[in-house]
């Protein structure tokens, strides 16, 4: 997803909070995303996120299943994040904790 100004999405406004930015991507499977997050250079950036973002007590990351060919929108992502915040992980909106096959995330939580 891009904001039309470049190759990122930081210009897309989904909140009145100027500190809130969105990153929306579609992955073939949770395992594919897991491999990217924890087995590429992305891991170094993820682990340093507190250098750029204020900690939040609320979830800031949400996943959900989509049909092949569907292009989720920022509004849909915000709705899913609200579902996760209000009801916790479910089949409709979830975090890493909802996926029993994901092991790298669990290992990071233990270290």
PDB file of N, CA and C in Angstrom:
ATOM      1  N   UNK A   1       0.844  -1.160   0.000  1.00  0.00           N
ATOM      2  CA  UNK A   1       0.000   0.000   0.000  1.00  0.00           C
ATOM      3  C   UNK A   1       0.896   1.232   0.000  1.00  0.00           C
ATOM      4  N   UNK A   2       0.521   2.220  -0.782  1.00  0.00           N
ATOM      5  CA  UNK A   2       1.254   3.478  -0.798  1.00  0.00           C
ATOM      6  C   UNK A   2       0.287   4.635  -0.614  1.00  0.00           C
ATOM      7  N   UNK A   3       0.847   5.779  -0.253  1.00  0.00           N
ATOM      8  CA  UNK A   3       0.023   6.962  -0.056  1.00  0.00           C
ATOM      9  C   UNK A   3      -0.074   7.815  -1.314  1.00  0.00           C
ATOM     10  N   UNK A   4       0.493   7.362  -2.431  1.00  0.00           N
ATOM     11  CA  UNK A   4       0.466   8.105  -3.675  1.00  0.00           C
ATOM     12  C   UNK A   4       1.589   9.126  -3.772  1.00  0.00           C
ATOM     13  N   UNK A   5       2.320   9.331  -2.708  1.00  0.00           N
ATOM     14  CA  UNK A   5       3.408  10.307  -2.678  1.00  0.00           C
ATOM     15  C   UNK A   5       4.774   9.625  -2.782  1.00  0.00           C
ATOM     16  N   UNK A   6       4.799   8.325  -2.662  1.00  0.00           N
ATOM     17  CA  UNK A   6       6.062   7.593  -2.672  1.00  0.00           C
ATOM     18  C   UNK A   6       5.778   6.119  -2.536  1.00  0.00           C
ATOM     19  N   UNK A   7       6.710   5.405  -1.946  1.00  0.00           N
ATOM     20  CA  UNK A   7       6.515   3.960  -1.837  1.00  0.00           C
ATOM     21  C   UNK A   7       6.082   3.533  -0.445  1.00  0.00           C
ATOM     22  N   UNK A   8       5.656   4.459   0.400  1.00  0.00           N
ATOM     23  CA  UNK A   8       5.203   4.125   1.737  1.00  0.00           C
ATOM     24  C   UNK A   8       3.758   4.534   1.948  1.00  0.00           C
ATOM     25  N   UNK A   9       3.260   4.274   3.131  1.00  0.00           N
ATOM     26  CA  UNK A   9       1.860   4.575   3.439  1.00  0.00           C
ATOM     27  C   UNK A   9       1.738   5.600   4.561  1.00  0.00           C
ATOM     28  N   UNK A  10       2.831   6.256   4.931  1.00  0.00           N
ATOM     29  CA  UNK A  10       2.786   7.138   6.091  1.00  0.00           C
ATOM     30  C   UNK A  10       1.912   8.360   5.874  1.00  0.00           C
ATOM     31  N   UNK A  11       1.576   8.692   4.641  1.00  0.00           N
ATOM     32  CA  UNK A  11       0.716   9.839   4.380  1.00  0.00           C
ATOM     33  C   UNK A  11      -0.765   9.522   4.478  1.00  0.00           C
ATOM     34  N   UNK A  12      -1.121   8.273   4.625  1.00  0.00           N
ATOM     35  CA  UNK A  12      -2.530   7.884   4.724  1.00  0.00           C
ATOM     36  C   UNK A  12      -3.001   8.165   6.142  1.00  0.00           C
ATOM     37  N   UNK A  13      -4.016   9.022   6.262  1.00  0.00           N
ATOM     38  CA  UNK A  13      -4.531   9.401   7.580  1.00  0.00           C
ATOM     39  C   UNK A  13      -5.731   8.539   7.931  1.00  0.00           C
ATOM     40  N   UNK A  14      -5.636   7.822   9.048  1.00  0.00           N
ATOM     41  CA  UNK A  14      -6.726   6.966   9.520  1.00  0.00           C
ATOM     42  C   UNK A  14      -7.173   7.359  10.924  1.00  0.00           C
ATOM     43  N   UNK A  15      -6.525   8.378  11.474  1.00  0.00           N
ATOM     44  CA  UNK A  15      -6.806   8.800  12.841  1.00  0.00           C
ATOM     45  C   UNK A  15      -6.511  10.293  12.948  1.00  0.00           C
ATOM     46  N   UNK A  16      -7.162  10.945  13.890  1.00  0.00           N
ATOM     47  CA  UNK A  16      -6.854  12.347  14.158  1.00  0.00           C
ATOM     48  C   UNK A  16      -5.532  12.494  14.900  1.00  0.00           C
ATOM     49  N   UNK A  17      -5.037  11.399  15.438  1.00  0.00           N
ATOM     50  CA  UNK A  17      -3.772  11.402  16.162  1.00  0.00           C
ATOM     51  C   UNK A  17      -2.622  11.463  15.147  1.00  0.00           C
ATOM     52  N   UNK A  18      -1.853  12.549  15.114  1.00  0.00           N
ATOM     53  CA  UNK A  18      -0.779  12.665  14.124  1.00  0.00           C
ATOM     54  C   UNK A  18       0.352  11.656  14.325  1.00  0.00           C
ATOM     55  N   UNK A  19       0.389  11.002  15.488  1.00  0.00           N
ATOM     56  CA  UNK A  19       1.429   9.998  15.749  1.00  0.00           C
ATOM     57  C   UNK A  19       1.047   8.625  15.216  1.00  0.00           C
ATOM     58  N   UNK A  20      -0.176   8.479  14.756  1.00  0.00           N
ATOM     59  CA  UNK A  20      -0.681   7.182  14.302  1.00  0.00           C
ATOM     60  C   UNK A  20      -0.411   7.031  12.809  1.00  0.00           C
ATOM     61  N   UNK A  21       0.340   6.005  12.446  1.00  0.00           N
ATOM     62  CA  UNK A  21       0.567   5.690  11.034  1.00  0.00           C
ATOM     63  C   UNK A  21       0.100   4.269  10.774  1.00  0.00           C
ATOM     64  N   UNK A  22      -0.129   3.966   9.512  1.00  0.00           N
ATOM     65  CA  UNK A  22      -0.637   2.644   9.148  1.00  0.00           C
ATOM     66  C   UNK A  22       0.347   1.950   8.212  1.00  0.00           C
ATOM     67  N   UNK A  23       0.421   0.661   8.362  1.00  0.00           N
ATOM     68  CA  UNK A  23       1.187  -0.195   7.459  1.00  0.00           C
ATOM     69  C   UNK A  23       0.290  -1.390   7.184  1.00  0.00           C
ATOM     70  N   UNK A  24      -0.139  -1.535   5.974  1.00  0.00           N
ATOM     71  CA  UNK A  24      -1.104  -2.574   5.626  1.00  0.00           C
ATOM     72  C   UNK A  24      -0.535  -3.416   4.503  1.00  0.00           C
ATOM     73  N   UNK A  25      -0.431  -4.715   4.740  1.00  0.00           N
ATOM     74  CA  UNK A  25       0.083  -5.616   3.713  1.00  0.00           C
ATOM     75  C   UNK A  25      -0.673  -6.933   3.774  1.00  0.00           C
ATOM     76  N   UNK A  26      -0.654  -7.645   2.668  1.00  0.00           N
ATOM     77  CA  UNK A  26      -1.324  -8.942   2.550  1.00  0.00           C
ATOM     78  C   UNK A  26      -0.252 -10.002   2.388  1.00  0.00           C
ATOM     79  N   UNK A  27      -0.397 -11.079   3.149  1.00  0.00           N
ATOM     80  CA  UNK A  27       0.579 -12.173   3.127  1.00  0.00           C
ATOM     81  C   UNK A  27      -0.125 -13.467   2.751  1.00  0.00           C
ATOM     82  N   UNK A  28       0.604 -14.348   2.109  1.00  0.00           N
ATOM     83  CA  UNK A  28       0.060 -15.636   1.684  1.00  0.00           C
ATOM     84  C   UNK A  28      -0.388 -16.480   2.877  1.00  0.00           C
ATOM     85  N   UNK A  29       0.372 -16.384   3.969  1.00  0.00           N
ATOM     86  CA  UNK A  29       0.065 -17.190   5.158  1.00  0.00           C
ATOM     87  C   UNK A  29       0.702 -16.532   6.374  1.00  0.00           C
ATOM     88  N   UNK A  30       0.231 -16.858   7.572  1.00  0.00           N
ATOM     89  CA  UNK A  30       0.893 -16.346   8.779  1.00  0.00           C
ATOM     90  C   UNK A  30       2.356 -16.791   8.859  1.00  0.00           C
ATOM     91  N   UNK A  31       2.634 -17.982   8.383  1.00  0.00           N
ATOM     92  CA  UNK A  31       4.000 -18.497   8.436  1.00  0.00           C
ATOM     93  C   UNK A  31       4.936 -17.669   7.543  1.00  0.00           C
ATOM     94  N   UNK A  32       4.436 -17.233   6.391  1.00  0.00           N
ATOM     95  CA  UNK A  32       5.235 -16.391   5.500  1.00  0.00           C
ATOM     96  C   UNK A  32       5.552 -15.061   6.178  1.00  0.00           C
ATOM     97  N   UNK A  33       4.546 -14.466   6.811  1.00  0.00           N
ATOM     98  CA  UNK A  33       4.770 -13.221   7.548  1.00  0.00           C
ATOM     99  C   UNK A  33       5.737 -13.452   8.705  1.00  0.00           C
ATOM    100  N   UNK A  34       5.553 -14.543   9.419  1.00  0.00           N
ATOM    101  CA  UNK A  34       6.439 -14.863  10.540  1.00  0.00           C
ATOM    102  C   UNK A  34       7.894 -14.939  10.073  1.00  0.00           C
ATOM    103  N   UNK A  35       8.131 -15.602   8.966  1.00  0.00           N
ATOM    104  CA  UNK A  35       9.499 -15.726   8.455  1.00  0.00           C
ATOM    105  C   UNK A  35      10.084 -14.354   8.119  1.00  0.00           C
ATOM    106  N   UNK A  36       9.271 -13.480   7.517  1.00  0.00           N
ATOM    107  CA  UNK A  36       9.745 -12.134   7.184  1.00  0.00           C
ATOM    108  C   UNK A  36      10.071 -11.339   8.450  1.00  0.00           C
ATOM    109  N   UNK A  37       9.162 -11.358   9.409  1.00  0.00           N
ATOM    110  CA  UNK A  37       9.342 -10.551  10.623  1.00  0.00           C
ATOM    111  C   UNK A  37      10.556 -11.004  11.420  1.00  0.00           C
ATOM    112  N   UNK A  38      10.744 -12.303  11.578  1.00  0.00           N
ATOM    113  CA  UNK A  38      11.750 -12.798  12.514  1.00  0.00           C
ATOM    114  C   UNK A  38      13.017 -13.341  11.860  1.00  0.00           C
ATOM    115  N   UNK A  39      13.039 -13.538  10.536  1.00  0.00           N
ATOM    116  CA  UNK A  39      14.226 -14.125   9.893  1.00  0.00           C
ATOM    117  C   UNK A  39      14.820 -13.249   8.803  1.00  0.00           C
ATOM    118  N   UNK A  40      14.519 -11.953   8.835  1.00  0.00           N
ATOM    119  CA  UNK A  40      15.143 -11.016   7.897  1.00  0.00           C
ATOM    120  C   UNK A  40      15.611  -9.809   8.696  1.00  0.00           C
ATOM    121  N   UNK A  41      16.157  -8.835   8.032  1.00  0.00           N
ATOM    122  CA  UNK A  41      16.612  -7.614   8.699  1.00  0.00           C
ATOM    123  C   UNK A  41      15.458  -6.893   9.399  1.00  0.00           C
ATOM    124  N   UNK A  42      14.234  -7.181   8.996  1.00  0.00           N
ATOM    125  CA  UNK A  42      13.068  -6.567   9.640  1.00  0.00           C
ATOM    126  C   UNK A  42      13.085  -6.776  11.159  1.00  0.00           C
ATOM    127  N   UNK A  43      13.604  -7.908  11.599  1.00  0.00           N
ATOM    128  CA  UNK A  43      13.647  -8.210  13.036  1.00  0.00           C
ATOM    129  C   UNK A  43      14.387  -7.117  13.803  1.00  0.00           C
ATOM    130  N   UNK A  44      15.483  -6.621  13.241  1.00  0.00           N
ATOM    131  CA  UNK A  44      16.250  -5.573  13.918  1.00  0.00           C
ATOM    132  C   UNK A  44      15.418  -4.302  14.081  1.00  0.00           C
ATOM    133  N   UNK A  45      14.650  -3.952  13.058  1.00  0.00           N
ATOM    134  CA  UNK A  45      13.801  -2.764  13.144  1.00  0.00           C
ATOM    135  C   UNK A  45      12.651  -2.995  14.121  1.00  0.00           C
ATOM    136  N   UNK A  46      12.071  -4.171  14.066  1.00  0.00           N
ATOM    137  CA  UNK A  46      10.965  -4.498  14.963  1.00  0.00           C
ATOM    138  C   UNK A  46      11.408  -4.404  16.420  1.00  0.00           C
ATOM    139  N   UNK A  47      12.572  -4.928  16.708  1.00  0.00           N
ATOM    140  CA  UNK A  47      13.068  -4.916  18.077  1.00  0.00           C
ATOM    141  C   UNK A  47      13.420  -3.509  18.556  1.00  0.00           C
ATOM    142  N   UNK A  48      13.634  -2.589  17.628  1.00  0.00           N
ATOM    143  CA  UNK A  48      13.976  -1.213  17.992  1.00  0.00           C
ATOM    144  C   UNK A  48      12.781  -0.273  17.868  1.00  0.00           C
ATOM    145  N   UNK A  49      11.581  -0.804  17.735  1.00  0.00           N
ATOM    146  CA  UNK A  49      10.401   0.038  17.511  1.00  0.00           C
ATOM    147  C   UNK A  49      10.177   1.050  18.622  1.00  0.00           C
ATOM    148  N   UNK A  50      10.640   0.746  19.835  1.00  0.00           N
ATOM    149  CA  UNK A  50      10.468   1.699  20.940  1.00  0.00           C
ATOM    150  C   UNK A  50      11.317   2.952  20.737  1.00  0.00           C
ATOM    151  N   UNK A  51      12.288   2.915  19.829  1.00  0.00           N
ATOM    152  CA  UNK A  51      13.073   4.110  19.503  1.00  0.00           C
ATOM    153  C   UNK A  51      12.245   5.124  18.709  1.00  0.00           C
ATOM    154  N   UNK A  52      11.195   4.645  18.038  1.00  0.00           N
ATOM    155  CA  UNK A  52      10.420   5.516  17.159  1.00  0.00           C
ATOM    156  C   UNK A  52       8.965   5.669  17.577  1.00  0.00           C
ATOM    157  N   UNK A  53       8.440   4.706  18.331  1.00  0.00           N
ATOM    158  CA  UNK A  53       7.026   4.717  18.685  1.00  0.00           C
ATOM    159  C   UNK A  53       6.852   4.644  20.196  1.00  0.00           C
ATOM    160  N   UNK A  54       5.855   5.368  20.673  1.00  0.00           N
ATOM    161  CA  UNK A  54       5.537   5.304  22.100  1.00  0.00           C
ATOM    162  C   UNK A  54       4.861   3.975  22.398  1.00  0.00           C
ATOM    163  N   UNK A  55       5.194   3.365  23.523  1.00  0.00           N
ATOM    164  CA  UNK A  55       4.531   2.107  23.892  1.00  0.00           C
ATOM    165  C   UNK A  55       3.027   2.326  24.063  1.00  0.00           C
ATOM    166  N   UNK A  56       2.274   1.302  23.774  1.00  0.00           N
ATOM    167  CA  UNK A  56       0.817   1.372  23.897  1.00  0.00           C
ATOM    168  C   UNK A  56       0.329   0.195  24.721  1.00  0.00           C
ATOM    169  N   UNK A  57      -0.654   0.443  25.561  1.00  0.00           N
ATOM    170  CA  UNK A  57      -1.281  -0.644  26.313  1.00  0.00           C
ATOM    171  C   UNK A  57      -2.260  -1.402  25.424  1.00  0.00           C
ATOM    172  N   UNK A  58      -2.731  -0.737  24.387  1.00  0.00           N
ATOM    173  CA  UNK A  58      -3.683  -1.348  23.453  1.00  0.00           C
ATOM    174  C   UNK A  58      -2.940  -2.024  22.307  1.00  0.00           C
ATOM    175  N   UNK A  59      -3.579  -3.008  21.672  1.00  0.00           N
ATOM    176  CA  UNK A  59      -2.974  -3.609  20.486  1.00  0.00           C
ATOM    177  C   UNK A  59      -2.758  -2.552  19.395  1.00  0.00           C
ATOM    178  N   UNK A  60      -1.668  -2.670  18.687  1.00  0.00           N
ATOM    179  CA  UNK A  60      -1.373  -1.785  17.559  1.00  0.00           C
ATOM    180  C   UNK A  60      -1.190  -2.578  16.265  1.00  0.00           C
ATOM    181  N   UNK A  61      -1.318  -3.888  16.360  1.00  0.00           N
ATOM    182  CA  UNK A  61      -1.100  -4.802  15.234  1.00  0.00           C
ATOM    183  C   UNK A  61      -2.255  -5.783  15.206  1.00  0.00           C
ATOM    184  N   UNK A  62      -2.835  -5.978  14.038  1.00  0.00           N
ATOM    185  CA  UNK A  62      -3.953  -6.916  13.906  1.00  0.00           C
ATOM    186  C   UNK A  62      -3.819  -7.683  12.598  1.00  0.00           C
ATOM    187  N   UNK A  63      -4.242  -8.929  12.634  1.00  0.00           N
ATOM    188  CA  UNK A  63      -4.307  -9.762  11.423  1.00  0.00           C
ATOM    189  C   UNK A  63      -5.733 -10.271  11.284  1.00  0.00           C
ATOM    190  N   UNK A  64      -6.115 -10.609  10.068  1.00  0.00           N
ATOM    191  CA  UNK A  64      -7.408 -11.232   9.814  1.00  0.00           C
ATOM    192  C   UNK A  64      -7.340 -11.943   8.474  1.00  0.00           C
ATOM    193  N   UNK A  65      -8.223 -12.923   8.317  1.00  0.00           N
ATOM    194  CA  UNK A  65      -8.263 -13.712   7.086  1.00  0.00           C
ATOM    195  C   UNK A  65      -9.017 -12.923   6.019  1.00  0.00           C
ATOM    196  N   UNK A  66      -8.554 -13.014   4.778  1.00  0.00           N
ATOM    197  CA  UNK A  66      -9.265 -12.393   3.662  1.00  0.00           C
ATOM    198  C   UNK A  66      -9.394 -13.403   2.530  1.00  0.00           C
ATOM    199  N   UNK A  67     -10.366 -13.160   1.678  1.00  0.00           N
ATOM    200  CA  UNK A  67     -10.556 -14.012   0.501  1.00  0.00           C
ATOM    201  C   UNK A  67      -9.492 -13.673  -0.543  1.00  0.00           C
ATOM    202  N   UNK A  68      -9.123 -14.664  -1.327  1.00  0.00           N
ATOM    203  CA  UNK A  68      -8.158 -14.433  -2.404  1.00  0.00           C
ATOM    204  C   UNK A  68      -8.660 -13.313  -3.305  1.00  0.00           C
ATOM    205  N   UNK A  69      -7.762 -12.399  -3.633  1.00  0.00           N
ATOM    206  CA  UNK A  69      -8.102 -11.289  -4.512  1.00  0.00           C
ATOM    207  C   UNK A  69      -8.658 -10.064  -3.812  1.00  0.00           C
ATOM    208  N   UNK A  70      -9.006 -10.192  -2.540  1.00  0.00           N
ATOM    209  CA  UNK A  70      -9.542  -9.045  -1.800  1.00  0.00           C
ATOM    210  C   UNK A  70      -8.418  -8.073  -1.458  1.00  0.00           C
ATOM    211  N   UNK A  71      -8.694  -6.786  -1.589  1.00  0.00           N
ATOM    212  CA  UNK A  71      -7.728  -5.747  -1.240  1.00  0.00           C
ATOM    213  C   UNK A  71      -8.260  -4.990  -0.025  1.00  0.00           C
ATOM    214  N   UNK A  72      -7.754  -5.297   1.163  1.00  0.00           N
ATOM    215  CA  UNK A  72      -8.257  -4.626   2.365  1.00  0.00           C
ATOM    216  C   UNK A  72      -7.955  -3.127   2.324  1.00  0.00           C
ATOM    217  N   UNK A  73      -8.822  -2.367   2.960  1.00  0.00           N
ATOM    218  CA  UNK A  73      -8.677  -0.914   3.005  1.00  0.00           C
ATOM    219  C   UNK A  73      -8.196  -0.469   4.385  1.00  0.00           C
ATOM    220  N   UNK A  74      -7.674   0.738   4.477  1.00  0.00           N
ATOM    221  CA  UNK A  74      -7.322   1.266   5.794  1.00  0.00           C
ATOM    222  C   UNK A  74      -8.523   1.291   6.747  1.00  0.00           C
ATOM    223  N   UNK A  75      -9.698   1.627   6.245  1.00  0.00           N
ATOM    224  CA  UNK A  75     -10.895   1.637   7.108  1.00  0.00           C
ATOM    225  C   UNK A  75     -11.187   0.236   7.637  1.00  0.00           C
ATOM    226  N   UNK A  76     -11.052  -0.769   6.785  1.00  0.00           N
ATOM    227  CA  UNK A  76     -11.251  -2.159   7.222  1.00  0.00           C
ATOM    228  C   UNK A  76     -10.229  -2.528   8.296  1.00  0.00           C
ATOM    229  N   UNK A  77      -8.992  -2.108   8.107  1.00  0.00           N
ATOM    230  CA  UNK A  77      -7.946  -2.394   9.099  1.00  0.00           C
ATOM    231  C   UNK A  77      -8.273  -1.741  10.436  1.00  0.00           C
ATOM    232  N   UNK A  78      -8.755  -0.522  10.404  1.00  0.00           N
ATOM    233  CA  UNK A  78      -9.107   0.167  11.648  1.00  0.00           C
ATOM    234  C   UNK A  78     -10.269  -0.531  12.344  1.00  0.00           C
ATOM    235  N   UNK A  79     -11.242  -1.017  11.570  1.00  0.00           N
ATOM    236  CA  UNK A  79     -12.357  -1.776  12.149  1.00  0.00           C
ATOM    237  C   UNK A  79     -11.853  -3.055  12.808  1.00  0.00           C
ATOM    238  N   UNK A  80     -10.942  -3.746  12.143  1.00  0.00           N
ATOM    239  CA  UNK A  80     -10.390  -4.992  12.702  1.00  0.00           C
ATOM    240  C   UNK A  80      -9.577  -4.712  13.966  1.00  0.00           C
ATOM    241  N   UNK A  81      -8.819  -3.609  13.960  1.00  0.00           N
ATOM    242  CA  UNK A  81      -8.060  -3.256  15.149  1.00  0.00           C
ATOM    243  C   UNK A  81      -9.004  -2.942  16.311  1.00  0.00           C
ATOM    244  N   UNK A  82     -10.100  -2.256  16.025  1.00  0.00           N
ATOM    245  CA  UNK A  82     -11.099  -1.962  17.065  1.00  0.00           C
ATOM    246  C   UNK A  82     -11.712  -3.253  17.608  1.00  0.00           C
ATOM    247  N   UNK A  83     -11.990  -4.220  16.714  1.00  0.00           N
ATOM    248  CA  UNK A  83     -12.515  -5.519  17.165  1.00  0.00           C
ATOM    249  C   UNK A  83     -11.533  -6.207  18.104  1.00  0.00           C
ATOM    250  N   UNK A  84     -10.268  -6.193  17.733  1.00  0.00           N
ATOM    251  CA  UNK A  84      -9.250  -6.831  18.569  1.00  0.00           C
ATOM    252  C   UNK A  84      -9.154  -6.132  19.925  1.00  0.00           C
ATOM    253  N   UNK A  85      -9.170  -4.806  19.913  1.00  0.00           N
ATOM    254  CA  UNK A  85      -9.082  -4.049  21.166  1.00  0.00           C
ATOM    255  C   UNK A  85     -10.267  -4.337  22.077  1.00  0.00           C
ATOM    256  N   UNK A  86     -11.453  -4.436  21.498  1.00  0.00           N
ATOM    257  CA  UNK A  86     -12.651  -4.590  22.335  1.00  0.00           C
ATOM    258  C   UNK A  86     -12.910  -6.027  22.773  1.00  0.00           C
ATOM    259  N   UNK A  87     -12.551  -7.004  21.948  1.00  0.00           N
ATOM    260  CA  UNK A  87     -12.907  -8.378  22.277  1.00  0.00           C
ATOM    261  C   UNK A  87     -11.761  -9.362  22.372  1.00  0.00           C
ATOM    262  N   UNK A  88     -10.547  -8.908  22.133  1.00  0.00           N
ATOM    263  CA  UNK A  88      -9.423  -9.831  22.128  1.00  0.00           C
ATOM    264  C   UNK A  88      -9.387 -10.640  20.839  1.00  0.00           C
ATOM    265  N   UNK A  89      -8.417 -11.508  20.732  1.00  0.00           N
ATOM    266  CA  UNK A  89      -8.256 -12.314  19.523  1.00  0.00           C
ATOM    267  C   UNK A  89      -9.454 -13.220  19.294  1.00  0.00           C
ATOM    268  N   UNK A  90      -9.887 -13.266  18.042  1.00  0.00           N
ATOM    269  CA  UNK A  90     -10.989 -14.131  17.617  1.00  0.00           C
ATOM    270  C   UNK A  90     -10.717 -14.533  16.170  1.00  0.00           C
ATOM    271  N   UNK A  91     -11.601 -15.323  15.614  1.00  0.00           N
ATOM    272  CA  UNK A  91     -11.450 -15.739  14.220  1.00  0.00           C
ATOM    273  C   UNK A  91     -11.515 -14.528  13.272  1.00  0.00           C
ATOM    274  N   UNK A  92     -12.150 -13.450  13.698  1.00  0.00           N
ATOM    275  CA  UNK A  92     -12.345 -12.265  12.843  1.00  0.00           C
ATOM    276  C   UNK A  92     -11.184 -11.268  12.891  1.00  0.00           C
ATOM    277  N   UNK A  93     -10.475 -11.198  14.009  1.00  0.00           N
ATOM    278  CA  UNK A  93      -9.375 -10.252  14.186  1.00  0.00           C
ATOM    279  C   UNK A  93      -8.471 -10.808  15.282  1.00  0.00           C
ATOM    280  N   UNK A  94      -7.174 -10.899  15.012  1.00  0.00           N
ATOM    281  CA  UNK A  94      -6.301 -11.580  15.967  1.00  0.00           C
ATOM    282  C   UNK A  94      -4.868 -11.083  15.897  1.00  0.00           C
ATOM    283  N   UNK A  95      -4.118 -11.458  16.908  1.00  0.00           N
ATOM    284  CA  UNK A  95      -2.686 -11.208  16.959  1.00  0.00           C
ATOM    285  C   UNK A  95      -1.942 -12.526  16.850  1.00  0.00           C
ATOM    286  N   UNK A  96      -0.624 -12.459  17.035  1.00  0.00           N
ATOM    287  CA  UNK A  96       0.208 -13.656  16.938  1.00  0.00           C
ATOM    288  C   UNK A  96      -0.256 -14.743  17.900  1.00  0.00           C
ATOM    289  N   UNK A  97      -0.747 -14.342  19.059  1.00  0.00           N
ATOM    290  CA  UNK A  97      -1.130 -15.305  20.095  1.00  0.00           C
ATOM    291  C   UNK A  97      -2.236 -16.255  19.654  1.00  0.00           C
ATOM    292  N   UNK A  98      -2.993 -15.888  18.635  1.00  0.00           N
ATOM    293  CA  UNK A  98      -4.121 -16.685  18.161  1.00  0.00           C
ATOM    294  C   UNK A  98      -3.685 -17.824  17.235  1.00  0.00           C
ATOM    295  N   UNK A  99      -2.452 -17.803  16.800  1.00  0.00           N
ATOM    296  CA  UNK A  99      -1.969 -18.744  15.783  1.00  0.00           C
ATOM    297  C   UNK A  99      -1.059 -19.798  16.402  1.00  0.00           C
ATOM    298  N   UNK A 100      -1.575 -21.001  16.661  1.00  0.00           N
ATOM    299  CA  UNK A 100      -0.772 -22.017  17.342  1.00  0.00           C
ATOM    300  C   UNK A 100       0.454 -22.470  16.562  1.00  0.00           C
ATOM    301  N   UNK A 101       0.446 -22.315  15.233  1.00  0.00           N
ATOM    302  CA  UNK A 101       1.592 -22.777  14.441  1.00  0.00           C
ATOM    303  C   UNK A 101       2.767 -21.797  14.481  1.00  0.00           C
ATOM    304  N   UNK A 102       2.554 -20.606  14.982  1.00  0.00           N
ATOM    305  CA  UNK A 102       3.597 -19.589  15.007  1.00  0.00           C
ATOM    306  C   UNK A 102       4.506 -19.828  16.213  1.00  0.00           C
ATOM    307  N   UNK A 103       5.765 -20.057  15.949  1.00  0.00           N
ATOM    308  CA  UNK A 103       6.709 -20.366  17.019  1.00  0.00           C
ATOM    309  C   UNK A 103       7.732 -19.259  17.263  1.00  0.00           C
ATOM    310  N   UNK A 104       8.133 -18.552  16.225  1.00  0.00           N
ATOM    311  CA  UNK A 104       9.168 -17.532  16.393  1.00  0.00           C
ATOM    312  C   UNK A 104       8.693 -16.395  17.285  1.00  0.00           C
ATOM    313  N   UNK A 105       7.440 -15.994  17.157  1.00  0.00           N
ATOM    314  CA  UNK A 105       6.876 -14.956  18.025  1.00  0.00           C
ATOM    315  C   UNK A 105       6.919 -15.412  19.481  1.00  0.00           C
ATOM    316  N   UNK A 106       6.531 -16.659  19.714  1.00  0.00           N
ATOM    317  CA  UNK A 106       6.549 -17.192  21.081  1.00  0.00           C
ATOM    318  C   UNK A 106       7.958 -17.184  21.654  1.00  0.00           C
ATOM    319  N   UNK A 107       8.928 -17.547  20.846  1.00  0.00           N
ATOM    320  CA  UNK A 107      10.310 -17.546  21.310  1.00  0.00           C
ATOM    321  C   UNK A 107      10.757 -16.139  21.690  1.00  0.00           C
ATOM    322  N   UNK A 108      10.331 -15.127  20.935  1.00  0.00           N
ATOM    323  CA  UNK A 108      10.688 -13.743  21.241  1.00  0.00           C
ATOM    324  C   UNK A 108      10.059 -13.275  22.548  1.00  0.00           C
ATOM    325  N   UNK A 109       8.870 -13.766  22.859  1.00  0.00           N
ATOM    326  CA  UNK A 109       8.191 -13.379  24.095  1.00  0.00           C
ATOM    327  C   UNK A 109       8.904 -13.945  25.313  1.00  0.00           C
ATOM    328  N   UNK A 110       9.587 -15.076  25.136  1.00  0.00           N
ATOM    329  CA  UNK A 110      10.268 -15.727  26.246  1.00  0.00           C
ATOM    330  C   UNK A 110      11.658 -15.142  26.507  1.00  0.00           C
ATOM    331  N   UNK A 111      12.198 -14.397  25.517  1.00  0.00           N
ATOM    332  CA  UNK A 111      13.567 -13.856  25.718  1.00  0.00           C
ATOM    333  C   UNK A 111      13.545 -12.452  26.247  1.00  0.00           C
TER     334      UNK A 111
END
